[in-house]
Amino acid sequence: MNRTFSRPERMRMFFKQFVKEIEQLGV
């Protein structure tokens, strides 16, 4: 589990997808 948190690239990808979904919702 620490491996996922130790990878900032993965978090960035997740954040980017989150922002994309929010934009699609139109919030």
PDB file of N, CA and C in Angstrom:
ATOM      1  N   MET A   1       0.849  -1.203   0.000  1.00  0.00           N
ATOM      2  CA  MET A   1       0.000   0.000   0.000  1.00  0.00           C
ATOM      3  C   MET A   1       0.882   1.250   0.000  1.00  0.00           C
ATOM      4  N   ASN A   2       2.010   1.152   0.665  1.00  0.00           N
ATOM      5  CA  ASN A   2       2.915   2.321   0.714  1.00  0.00           C
ATOM      6  C   ASN A   2       3.479   2.594  -0.678  1.00  0.00           C
ATOM      7  N   ARG A   3       3.515   1.566  -1.499  1.00  0.00           N
ATOM      8  CA  ARG A   3       4.106   1.735  -2.834  1.00  0.00           C
ATOM      9  C   ARG A   3       3.254   2.728  -3.630  1.00  0.00           C
ATOM     10  N   THR A   4       1.961   2.651  -3.504  1.00  0.00           N
ATOM     11  CA  THR A   4       1.091   3.558  -4.278  1.00  0.00           C
ATOM     12  C   THR A   4       1.274   4.992  -3.813  1.00  0.00           C
ATOM     13  N   PHE A   5       1.412   5.164  -2.508  1.00  0.00           N
ATOM     14  CA  PHE A   5       1.544   6.532  -1.979  1.00  0.00           C
ATOM     15  C   PHE A   5       2.932   7.088  -2.283  1.00  0.00           C
ATOM     16  N   SER A   6       3.895   6.187  -2.403  1.00  0.00           N
ATOM     17  CA  SER A   6       5.279   6.653  -2.649  1.00  0.00           C
ATOM     18  C   SER A   6       5.419   7.074  -4.111  1.00  0.00           C
ATOM     19  N   ARG A   7       4.400   6.803  -4.887  1.00  0.00           N
ATOM     20  CA  ARG A   7       4.493   7.160  -6.340  1.00  0.00           C
ATOM     21  C   ARG A   7       3.653   8.421  -6.576  1.00  0.00           C
ATOM     22  N   PRO A   8       4.249   9.574  -6.657  1.00  0.00           N
ATOM     23  CA  PRO A   8       3.485  10.819  -6.888  1.00  0.00           C
ATOM     24  C   PRO A   8       2.877  10.870  -8.295  1.00  0.00           C
ATOM     25  N   GLU A   9       3.506  10.166  -9.203  1.00  0.00           N
ATOM     26  CA  GLU A   9       2.980  10.164 -10.579  1.00  0.00           C
ATOM     27  C   GLU A   9       1.579   9.561 -10.607  1.00  0.00           C
ATOM     28  N   ARG A  10       1.401   8.508  -9.816  1.00  0.00           N
ATOM     29  CA  ARG A  10       0.091   7.832  -9.807  1.00  0.00           C
ATOM     30  C   ARG A  10      -0.954   8.795  -9.227  1.00  0.00           C
ATOM     31  N   MET A  11      -0.561   9.492  -8.169  1.00  0.00           N
ATOM     32  CA  MET A  11      -1.524  10.419  -7.535  1.00  0.00           C
ATOM     33  C   MET A  11      -1.868  11.527  -8.533  1.00  0.00           C
ATOM     34  N   ARG A  12      -0.890  11.954  -9.285  1.00  0.00           N
ATOM     35  CA  ARG A  12      -1.144  13.051 -10.251  1.00  0.00           C
ATOM     36  C   ARG A  12      -2.129  12.562 -11.308  1.00  0.00           C
ATOM     37  N   MET A  13      -1.940  11.348 -11.772  1.00  0.00           N
ATOM     38  CA  MET A  13      -2.852  10.800 -12.792  1.00  0.00           C
ATOM     39  C   MET A  13      -4.273  10.712 -12.229  1.00  0.00           C
ATOM     40  N   PHE A  14      -4.351  10.279 -10.980  1.00  0.00           N
ATOM     41  CA  PHE A  14      -5.670  10.149 -10.349  1.00  0.00           C
ATOM     42  C   PHE A  14      -6.320  11.523 -10.217  1.00  0.00           C
ATOM     43  N   PHE A  15      -5.525  12.508  -9.814  1.00  0.00           N
ATOM     44  CA  PHE A  15      -6.057  13.872  -9.652  1.00  0.00           C
ATOM     45  C   PHE A  15      -6.521  14.433 -11.000  1.00  0.00           C
ATOM     46  N   LYS A  16      -5.736  14.135 -12.029  1.00  0.00           N
ATOM     47  CA  LYS A  16      -6.103  14.640 -13.373  1.00  0.00           C
ATOM     48  C   LYS A  16      -7.438  14.034 -13.805  1.00  0.00           C
ATOM     49  N   GLN A  17      -7.605  12.740 -13.553  1.00  0.00           N
ATOM     50  CA  GLN A  17      -8.862  12.090 -13.947  1.00  0.00           C
ATOM     51  C   GLN A  17     -10.015  12.661 -13.139  1.00  0.00           C
ATOM     52  N   PHE A  18      -9.749  12.942 -11.875  1.00  0.00           N
ATOM     53  CA  PHE A  18     -10.794  13.490 -11.002  1.00  0.00           C
ATOM     54  C   PHE A  18     -11.250  14.849 -11.529  1.00  0.00           C
ATOM     55  N   VAL A  19     -10.298  15.659 -11.920  1.00  0.00           N
ATOM     56  CA  VAL A  19     -10.635  16.994 -12.444  1.00  0.00           C
ATOM     57  C   VAL A  19     -11.403  16.858 -13.757  1.00  0.00           C
ATOM     58  N   LYS A  20     -11.011  15.894 -14.551  1.00  0.00           N
ATOM     59  CA  LYS A  20     -11.693  15.703 -15.849  1.00  0.00           C
ATOM     60  C   LYS A  20     -13.147  15.307 -15.610  1.00  0.00           C
ATOM     61  N   GLU A  21     -13.367  14.426 -14.647  1.00  0.00           N
ATOM     62  CA  GLU A  21     -14.743  13.993 -14.352  1.00  0.00           C
ATOM     63  C   GLU A  21     -15.570  15.165 -13.844  1.00  0.00           C
ATOM     64  N   ILE A  22     -14.974  15.984 -13.023  1.00  0.00           N
ATOM     65  CA  ILE A  22     -15.698  17.144 -12.476  1.00  0.00           C
ATOM     66  C   ILE A  22     -16.061  18.092 -13.620  1.00  0.00           C
ATOM     67  N   GLU A  23     -15.137  18.279 -14.539  1.00  0.00           N
ATOM     68  CA  GLU A  23     -15.411  19.185 -15.669  1.00  0.00           C
ATOM     69  C   GLU A  23     -16.528  18.608 -16.533  1.00  0.00           C
ATOM     70  N   GLN A  24     -16.550  17.292 -16.658  1.00  0.00           N
ATOM     71  CA  GLN A  24     -17.597  16.653 -17.473  1.00  0.00           C
ATOM     72  C   GLN A  24     -18.953  16.864 -16.814  1.00  0.00           C
ATOM     73  N   LEU A  25     -18.975  16.844 -15.487  1.00  0.00           N
ATOM     74  CA  LEU A  25     -20.238  17.041 -14.764  1.00  0.00           C
ATOM     75  C   LEU A  25     -20.696  18.486 -14.927  1.00  0.00           C
ATOM     76  N   GLY A  26     -19.746  19.363 -15.100  1.00  0.00           N
ATOM     77  CA  GLY A  26     -20.092  20.774 -15.274  1.00  0.00           C
ATOM     78  C   GLY A  26     -20.229  21.478 -13.937  1.00  0.00           C
ATOM     79  N   VAL A  27     -19.423  21.059 -12.967  1.00  0.00           N
ATOM     80  CA  VAL A  27     -19.498  21.692 -11.636  1.00  0.00           C
ATOM     81  C   VAL A  27     -18.569  22.896 -11.605  1.00  0.00           C
TER      82      VAL A  27
END
